[in-house]
């Protein structure tokens, strides 16, 4: 698992509703939240490095012929199939 949703109270409330409507559920959410909070408090300085690594990986995948969607963050979205 590698996601973290950040927003105001109303945004989070709507996200929870959409998650339930889509049949999703969280497992061990406390542990996942603790990891996200730790990262926000202790690893912000490395965020640029993560973005740079993602940009490098996106370029490598594109050169290999993969369909990599626009990459503006440290997340990559690749179309497969």
PDB file of N, CA and C in Angstrom:
ATOM      1  N   UNK A   1       0.862  -1.173   0.000  1.00  0.00           N
ATOM      2  CA  UNK A   1       0.000   0.000   0.000  1.00  0.00           C
ATOM      3  C   UNK A   1       0.896   1.220   0.000  1.00  0.00           C
ATOM      4  N   UNK A   2       0.550   2.215  -0.799  1.00  0.00           N
ATOM      5  CA  UNK A   2       1.362   3.415  -0.842  1.00  0.00           C
ATOM      6  C   UNK A   2       0.550   4.639  -1.163  1.00  0.00           C
ATOM      7  N   UNK A   3      -0.546   4.839  -0.470  1.00  0.00           N
ATOM      8  CA  UNK A   3      -1.366   6.020  -0.747  1.00  0.00           C
ATOM      9  C   UNK A   3      -1.687   6.780   0.520  1.00  0.00           C
ATOM     10  N   UNK A   4      -1.934   8.056   0.300  1.00  0.00           N
ATOM     11  CA  UNK A   4      -2.299   8.939   1.397  1.00  0.00           C
ATOM     12  C   UNK A   4      -3.219   9.995   0.827  1.00  0.00           C
ATOM     13  N   UNK A   5      -4.381  10.153   1.425  1.00  0.00           N
ATOM     14  CA  UNK A   5      -5.342  11.155   0.974  1.00  0.00           C
ATOM     15  C   UNK A   5      -5.326  12.311   1.959  1.00  0.00           C
ATOM     16  N   UNK A   6      -5.136  13.508   1.457  1.00  0.00           N
ATOM     17  CA  UNK A   6      -5.065  14.695   2.299  1.00  0.00           C
ATOM     18  C   UNK A   6      -6.116  15.682   1.828  1.00  0.00           C
ATOM     19  N   UNK A   7      -6.837  16.277   2.767  1.00  0.00           N
ATOM     20  CA  UNK A   7      -7.840  17.272   2.409  1.00  0.00           C
ATOM     21  C   UNK A   7      -8.548  17.784   3.640  1.00  0.00           C
ATOM     22  N   UNK A   8      -9.446  18.731   3.416  1.00  0.00           N
ATOM     23  CA  UNK A   8     -10.205  19.251   4.550  1.00  0.00           C
ATOM     24  C   UNK A   8     -11.262  18.230   4.967  1.00  0.00           C
ATOM     25  N   UNK A   9     -11.949  18.510   6.045  1.00  0.00           N
ATOM     26  CA  UNK A   9     -12.910  17.570   6.621  1.00  0.00           C
ATOM     27  C   UNK A   9     -13.988  17.166   5.612  1.00  0.00           C
ATOM     28  N   UNK A  10     -14.515  18.129   4.862  1.00  0.00           N
ATOM     29  CA  UNK A  10     -15.568  17.842   3.893  1.00  0.00           C
ATOM     30  C   UNK A  10     -15.045  16.940   2.775  1.00  0.00           C
ATOM     31  N   UNK A  11     -13.851  17.216   2.304  1.00  0.00           N
ATOM     32  CA  UNK A  11     -13.254  16.409   1.236  1.00  0.00           C
ATOM     33  C   UNK A  11     -13.078  14.960   1.688  1.00  0.00           C
ATOM     34  N   UNK A  12     -12.551  14.775   2.890  1.00  0.00           N
ATOM     35  CA  UNK A  12     -12.345  13.430   3.426  1.00  0.00           C
ATOM     36  C   UNK A  12     -13.684  12.722   3.601  1.00  0.00           C
ATOM     37  N   UNK A  13     -14.685  13.448   4.079  1.00  0.00           N
ATOM     38  CA  UNK A  13     -16.019  12.864   4.267  1.00  0.00           C
ATOM     39  C   UNK A  13     -16.577  12.361   2.936  1.00  0.00           C
ATOM     40  N   UNK A  14     -16.427  13.166   1.875  1.00  0.00           N
ATOM     41  CA  UNK A  14     -16.900  12.748   0.549  1.00  0.00           C
ATOM     42  C   UNK A  14     -16.093  11.557   0.028  1.00  0.00           C
ATOM     43  N   UNK A  15     -14.789  11.558   0.283  1.00  0.00           N
ATOM     44  CA  UNK A  15     -13.943  10.450  -0.172  1.00  0.00           C
ATOM     45  C   UNK A  15     -14.351   9.146   0.506  1.00  0.00           C
ATOM     46  N   UNK A  16     -14.652   9.213   1.785  1.00  0.00           N
ATOM     47  CA  UNK A  16     -15.092   8.016   2.509  1.00  0.00           C
ATOM     48  C   UNK A  16     -16.402   7.499   1.926  1.00  0.00           C
ATOM     49  N   UNK A  17     -17.303   8.415   1.614  1.00  0.00           N
ATOM     50  CA  UNK A  17     -18.587   8.012   1.019  1.00  0.00           C
ATOM     51  C   UNK A  17     -18.362   7.327  -0.321  1.00  0.00           C
ATOM     52  N   UNK A  18     -17.508   7.900  -1.167  1.00  0.00           N
ATOM     53  CA  UNK A  18     -17.220   7.297  -2.470  1.00  0.00           C
ATOM     54  C   UNK A  18     -16.551   5.936  -2.305  1.00  0.00           C
ATOM     55  N   UNK A  19     -15.660   5.820  -1.346  1.00  0.00           N
ATOM     56  CA  UNK A  19     -15.005   4.532  -1.101  1.00  0.00           C
ATOM     57  C   UNK A  19     -16.040   3.474  -0.752  1.00  0.00           C
ATOM     58  N   UNK A  20     -16.976   3.807   0.126  1.00  0.00           N
ATOM     59  CA  UNK A  20     -18.016   2.855   0.515  1.00  0.00           C
ATOM     60  C   UNK A  20     -18.904   2.502  -0.666  1.00  0.00           C
ATOM     61  N   UNK A  21     -19.247   3.499  -1.497  1.00  0.00           N
ATOM     62  CA  UNK A  21     -20.101   3.235  -2.655  1.00  0.00           C
ATOM     63  C   UNK A  21     -19.404   2.318  -3.657  1.00  0.00           C
ATOM     64  N   UNK A  22     -18.084   2.395  -3.708  1.00  0.00           N
ATOM     65  CA  UNK A  22     -17.325   1.573  -4.645  1.00  0.00           C
ATOM     66  C   UNK A  22     -16.972   0.212  -4.051  1.00  0.00           C
ATOM     67  N   UNK A  23     -17.399  -0.030  -2.816  1.00  0.00           N
ATOM     68  CA  UNK A  23     -17.158  -1.324  -2.189  1.00  0.00           C
ATOM     69  C   UNK A  23     -15.802  -1.464  -1.538  1.00  0.00           C
ATOM     70  N   UNK A  24     -15.073  -0.366  -1.394  1.00  0.00           N
ATOM     71  CA  UNK A  24     -13.732  -0.431  -0.811  1.00  0.00           C
ATOM     72  C   UNK A  24     -13.755  -0.402   0.703  1.00  0.00           C
ATOM     73  N   UNK A  25     -12.708  -0.871   1.269  1.00  0.00           N
ATOM     74  CA  UNK A  25     -12.552  -0.846   2.717  1.00  0.00           C
ATOM     75  C   UNK A  25     -11.082  -0.740   3.058  1.00  0.00           C
ATOM     76  N   UNK A  26     -10.803  -0.257   4.226  1.00  0.00           N
ATOM     77  CA  UNK A  26      -9.410  -0.105   4.639  1.00  0.00           C
ATOM     78  C   UNK A  26      -9.042  -1.230   5.588  1.00  0.00           C
ATOM     79  N   UNK A  27      -7.836  -1.721   5.440  1.00  0.00           N
ATOM     80  CA  UNK A  27      -7.303  -2.733   6.329  1.00  0.00           C
ATOM     81  C   UNK A  27      -6.180  -2.094   7.129  1.00  0.00           C
ATOM     82  N   UNK A  28      -6.213  -2.296   8.412  1.00  0.00           N
ATOM     83  CA  UNK A  28      -5.182  -1.771   9.303  1.00  0.00           C
ATOM     84  C   UNK A  28      -4.927  -0.293   9.044  1.00  0.00           C
ATOM     85  N   UNK A  29      -5.998   0.470   9.002  1.00  0.00           N
ATOM     86  CA  UNK A  29      -5.872   1.881   8.646  1.00  0.00           C
ATOM     87  C   UNK A  29      -5.028   2.674   9.638  1.00  0.00           C
ATOM     88  N   UNK A  30      -5.031   2.299  10.895  1.00  0.00           N
ATOM     89  CA  UNK A  30      -4.223   3.016  11.881  1.00  0.00           C
ATOM     90  C   UNK A  30      -2.737   2.918  11.589  1.00  0.00           C
ATOM     91  N   UNK A  31      -2.293   1.735  11.217  1.00  0.00           N
ATOM     92  CA  UNK A  31      -0.881   1.534  10.891  1.00  0.00           C
ATOM     93  C   UNK A  31      -0.517   2.317   9.634  1.00  0.00           C
ATOM     94  N   UNK A  32      -1.402   2.280   8.636  1.00  0.00           N
ATOM     95  CA  UNK A  32      -1.144   3.027   7.407  1.00  0.00           C
ATOM     96  C   UNK A  32      -1.127   4.528   7.666  1.00  0.00           C
ATOM     97  N   UNK A  33      -2.053   5.004   8.493  1.00  0.00           N
ATOM     98  CA  UNK A  33      -2.090   6.431   8.816  1.00  0.00           C
ATOM     99  C   UNK A  33      -0.828   6.843   9.570  1.00  0.00           C
ATOM    100  N   UNK A  34      -0.371   5.997  10.477  1.00  0.00           N
ATOM    101  CA  UNK A  34       0.845   6.311  11.232  1.00  0.00           C
ATOM    102  C   UNK A  34       2.045   6.432  10.298  1.00  0.00           C
ATOM    103  N   UNK A  35       2.129   5.550   9.312  1.00  0.00           N
ATOM    104  CA  UNK A  35       3.234   5.628   8.353  1.00  0.00           C
ATOM    105  C   UNK A  35       3.159   6.916   7.543  1.00  0.00           C
ATOM    106  N   UNK A  36       1.961   7.295   7.122  1.00  0.00           N
ATOM    107  CA  UNK A  36       1.788   8.541   6.372  1.00  0.00           C
ATOM    108  C   UNK A  36       2.147   9.757   7.197  1.00  0.00           C
ATOM    109  N   UNK A  37       1.732   9.755   8.456  1.00  0.00           N
ATOM    110  CA  UNK A  37       2.044  10.896   9.330  1.00  0.00           C
ATOM    111  C   UNK A  37       3.550  10.984   9.582  1.00  0.00           C
ATOM    112  N   UNK A  38       4.200   9.849   9.776  1.00  0.00           N
ATOM    113  CA  UNK A  38       5.646   9.849   9.974  1.00  0.00           C
ATOM    114  C   UNK A  38       6.349  10.438   8.750  1.00  0.00           C
ATOM    115  N   UNK A  39       5.913  10.006   7.562  1.00  0.00           N
ATOM    116  CA  UNK A  39       6.529  10.508   6.331  1.00  0.00           C
ATOM    117  C   UNK A  39       6.351  12.013   6.199  1.00  0.00           C
ATOM    118  N   UNK A  40       5.165  12.514   6.524  1.00  0.00           N
ATOM    119  CA  UNK A  40       4.929  13.961   6.433  1.00  0.00           C
ATOM    120  C   UNK A  40       5.795  14.742   7.412  1.00  0.00           C
ATOM    121  N   UNK A  41       6.063  14.164   8.573  1.00  0.00           N
ATOM    122  CA  UNK A  41       6.851  14.861   9.592  1.00  0.00           C
ATOM    123  C   UNK A  41       8.358  14.722   9.378  1.00  0.00           C
ATOM    124  N   UNK A  42       8.797  13.613   8.781  1.00  0.00           N
ATOM    125  CA  UNK A  42      10.225  13.315   8.761  1.00  0.00           C
ATOM    126  C   UNK A  42      10.867  13.206   7.382  1.00  0.00           C
ATOM    127  N   UNK A  43      10.088  13.064   6.335  1.00  0.00           N
ATOM    128  CA  UNK A  43      10.686  12.796   5.029  1.00  0.00           C
ATOM    129  C   UNK A  43      10.383  13.847   3.972  1.00  0.00           C
ATOM    130  N   UNK A  44       9.890  14.994   4.353  1.00  0.00           N
ATOM    131  CA  UNK A  44       9.545  16.022   3.371  1.00  0.00           C
ATOM    132  C   UNK A  44      10.783  16.463   2.591  1.00  0.00           C
ATOM    133  N   UNK A  45      11.928  16.486   3.238  1.00  0.00           N
ATOM    134  CA  UNK A  45      13.155  16.914   2.567  1.00  0.00           C
ATOM    135  C   UNK A  45      13.519  15.990   1.407  1.00  0.00           C
ATOM    136  N   UNK A  46      13.088  14.733   1.457  1.00  0.00           N
ATOM    137  CA  UNK A  46      13.393  13.773   0.390  1.00  0.00           C
ATOM    138  C   UNK A  46      12.374  13.801  -0.733  1.00  0.00           C
ATOM    139  N   UNK A  47      11.332  14.599  -0.615  1.00  0.00           N
ATOM    140  CA  UNK A  47      10.268  14.592  -1.607  1.00  0.00           C
ATOM    141  C   UNK A  47      10.781  14.937  -3.003  1.00  0.00           C
ATOM    142  N   UNK A  48      11.666  15.916  -3.119  1.00  0.00           N
ATOM    143  CA  UNK A  48      12.211  16.271  -4.433  1.00  0.00           C
ATOM    144  C   UNK A  48      12.977  15.103  -5.041  1.00  0.00           C
ATOM    145  N   UNK A  49      13.715  14.389  -4.204  1.00  0.00           N
ATOM    146  CA  UNK A  49      14.435  13.206  -4.690  1.00  0.00           C
ATOM    147  C   UNK A  49      13.450  12.163  -5.229  1.00  0.00           C
ATOM    148  N   UNK A  50      12.327  11.978  -4.532  1.00  0.00           N
ATOM    149  CA  UNK A  50      11.294  11.050  -5.009  1.00  0.00           C
ATOM    150  C   UNK A  50      10.733  11.497  -6.355  1.00  0.00           C
ATOM    151  N   UNK A  51      10.479  12.792  -6.510  1.00  0.00           N
ATOM    152  CA  UNK A  51       9.978  13.324  -7.778  1.00  0.00           C
ATOM    153  C   UNK A  51      11.002  13.094  -8.892  1.00  0.00           C
ATOM    154  N   UNK A  52      12.269  13.356  -8.594  1.00  0.00           N
ATOM    155  CA  UNK A  52      13.326  13.158  -9.589  1.00  0.00           C
ATOM    156  C   UNK A  52      13.444  11.687  -9.991  1.00  0.00           C
ATOM    157  N   UNK A  53      13.366  10.790  -9.009  1.00  0.00           N
ATOM    158  CA  UNK A  53      13.428   9.357  -9.310  1.00  0.00           C
ATOM    159  C   UNK A  53      12.245   8.925 -10.171  1.00  0.00           C
ATOM    160  N   UNK A  54      11.068   9.438  -9.880  1.00  0.00           N
ATOM    161  CA  UNK A  54       9.881   9.102 -10.675  1.00  0.00           C
ATOM    162  C   UNK A  54      10.023   9.617 -12.099  1.00  0.00           C
ATOM    163  N   UNK A  55      10.562  10.819 -12.258  1.00  0.00           N
ATOM    164  CA  UNK A  55      10.771  11.371 -13.601  1.00  0.00           C
ATOM    165  C   UNK A  55      11.763  10.515 -14.382  1.00  0.00           C
ATOM    166  N   UNK A  56      12.822  10.077 -13.716  1.00  0.00           N
ATOM    167  CA  UNK A  56      13.801   9.205 -14.365  1.00  0.00           C
ATOM    168  C   UNK A  56      13.148   7.892 -14.792  1.00  0.00           C
ATOM    169  N   UNK A  57      12.372   7.291 -13.885  1.00  0.00           N
ATOM    170  CA  UNK A  57      11.712   6.025 -14.197  1.00  0.00           C
ATOM    171  C   UNK A  57      10.715   6.192 -15.339  1.00  0.00           C
ATOM    172  N   UNK A  58       9.976   7.286 -15.349  1.00  0.00           N
ATOM    173  CA  UNK A  58       9.019   7.545 -16.433  1.00  0.00           C
ATOM    174  C   UNK A  58       9.745   7.607 -17.771  1.00  0.00           C
ATOM    175  N   UNK A  59      10.882   8.277 -17.806  1.00  0.00           N
ATOM    176  CA  UNK A  59      11.648   8.385 -19.051  1.00  0.00           C
ATOM    177  C   UNK A  59      12.164   7.020 -19.504  1.00  0.00           C
ATOM    178  N   UNK A  60      12.652   6.225 -18.561  1.00  0.00           N
ATOM    179  CA  UNK A  60      13.129   4.883 -18.907  1.00  0.00           C
ATOM    180  C   UNK A  60      12.001   4.034 -19.486  1.00  0.00           C
ATOM    181  N   UNK A  61      10.825   4.114 -18.867  1.00  0.00           N
ATOM    182  CA  UNK A  61       9.676   3.345 -19.355  1.00  0.00           C
ATOM    183  C   UNK A  61       9.235   3.813 -20.736  1.00  0.00           C
ATOM    184  N   UNK A  62       9.228   5.135 -20.946  1.00  0.00           N
ATOM    185  CA  UNK A  62       8.867   5.669 -22.270  1.00  0.00           C
ATOM    186  C   UNK A  62       9.845   5.176 -23.341  1.00  0.00           C
ATOM    187  N   UNK A  63      11.131   5.216 -23.017  1.00  0.00           N
ATOM    188  CA  UNK A  63      12.146   4.755 -23.970  1.00  0.00           C
ATOM    189  C   UNK A  63      11.987   3.272 -24.287  1.00  0.00           C
ATOM    190  N   UNK A  64      11.424   2.511 -23.343  1.00  0.00           N
ATOM    191  CA  UNK A  64      11.189   1.081 -23.554  1.00  0.00           C
ATOM    192  C   UNK A  64       9.865   0.831 -24.266  1.00  0.00           C
ATOM    193  N   UNK A  65       9.131   1.906 -24.585  1.00  0.00           N
ATOM    194  CA  UNK A  65       7.890   1.771 -25.331  1.00  0.00           C
ATOM    195  C   UNK A  65       6.622   1.767 -24.502  1.00  0.00           C
ATOM    196  N   UNK A  66       6.726   1.992 -23.210  1.00  0.00           N
ATOM    197  CA  UNK A  66       5.539   2.002 -22.354  1.00  0.00           C
ATOM    198  C   UNK A  66       4.755   3.298 -22.532  1.00  0.00           C
ATOM    199  N   UNK A  67       3.467   3.216 -22.320  1.00  0.00           N
ATOM    200  CA  UNK A  67       2.581   4.384 -22.390  1.00  0.00           C
ATOM    201  C   UNK A  67       2.458   4.969 -20.987  1.00  0.00           C
ATOM    202  N   UNK A  68       3.353   5.889 -20.660  1.00  0.00           N
ATOM    203  CA  UNK A  68       3.375   6.515 -19.338  1.00  0.00           C
ATOM    204  C   UNK A  68       2.593   7.816 -19.413  1.00  0.00           C
ATOM    205  N   UNK A  69       1.611   7.954 -18.550  1.00  0.00           N
ATOM    206  CA  UNK A  69       0.820   9.177 -18.527  1.00  0.00           C
ATOM    207  C   UNK A  69       1.671  10.317 -17.987  1.00  0.00           C
ATOM    208  N   UNK A  70       1.228  11.543 -18.196  1.00  0.00           N
ATOM    209  CA  UNK A  70       1.957  12.730 -17.736  1.00  0.00           C
ATOM    210  C   UNK A  70       2.327  12.569 -16.269  1.00  0.00           C
ATOM    211  N   UNK A  71       3.553  12.901 -15.953  1.00  0.00           N
ATOM    212  CA  UNK A  71       4.084  12.690 -14.613  1.00  0.00           C
ATOM    213  C   UNK A  71       4.479  14.028 -14.008  1.00  0.00           C
ATOM    214  N   UNK A  72       3.734  14.462 -12.978  1.00  0.00           N
ATOM    215  CA  UNK A  72       4.016  15.733 -12.307  1.00  0.00           C
ATOM    216  C   UNK A  72       4.384  15.549 -10.846  1.00  0.00           C
ATOM    217  N   UNK A  73       4.282  14.338 -10.348  1.00  0.00           N
ATOM    218  CA  UNK A  73       4.528  14.084  -8.930  1.00  0.00           C
ATOM    219  C   UNK A  73       5.487  12.910  -8.809  1.00  0.00           C
ATOM    220  N   UNK A  74       5.513  12.295  -7.643  1.00  0.00           N
ATOM    221  CA  UNK A  74       6.338  11.107  -7.456  1.00  0.00           C
ATOM    222  C   UNK A  74       5.544   9.833  -7.737  1.00  0.00           C
ATOM    223  N   UNK A  75       4.410   9.965  -8.418  1.00  0.00           N
ATOM    224  CA  UNK A  75       3.599   8.809  -8.788  1.00  0.00           C
ATOM    225  C   UNK A  75       3.640   8.620 -10.296  1.00  0.00           C
ATOM    226  N   UNK A  76       3.689   7.364 -10.723  1.00  0.00           N
ATOM    227  CA  UNK A  76       3.664   7.036 -12.143  1.00  0.00           C
ATOM    228  C   UNK A  76       2.399   6.259 -12.454  1.00  0.00           C
ATOM    229  N   UNK A  77       1.792   6.574 -13.581  1.00  0.00           N
ATOM    230  CA  UNK A  77       0.629   5.843 -14.060  1.00  0.00           C
ATOM    231  C   UNK A  77       0.973   5.347 -15.456  1.00  0.00           C
ATOM    232  N   UNK A  78       0.954   4.036 -15.619  1.00  0.00           N
ATOM    233  CA  UNK A  78       1.353   3.409 -16.869  1.00  0.00           C
ATOM    234  C   UNK A  78       0.181   2.593 -17.392  1.00  0.00           C
ATOM    235  N   UNK A  79      -0.151   2.787 -18.665  1.00  0.00           N
ATOM    236  CA  UNK A  79      -1.199   1.972 -19.294  1.00  0.00           C
ATOM    237  C   UNK A  79      -0.580   0.650 -19.722  1.00  0.00           C
ATOM    238  N   UNK A  80      -1.212  -0.420 -19.312  1.00  0.00           N
ATOM    239  CA  UNK A  80      -0.730  -1.756 -19.639  1.00  0.00           C
ATOM    240  C   UNK A  80      -1.789  -2.469 -20.463  1.00  0.00           C
ATOM    241  N   UNK A  81      -1.361  -3.111 -21.530  1.00  0.00           N
ATOM    242  CA  UNK A  81      -2.295  -3.926 -22.315  1.00  0.00           C
ATOM    243  C   UNK A  81      -2.889  -3.265 -23.494  1.00  0.00           C
TER     244      UNK A  81
END
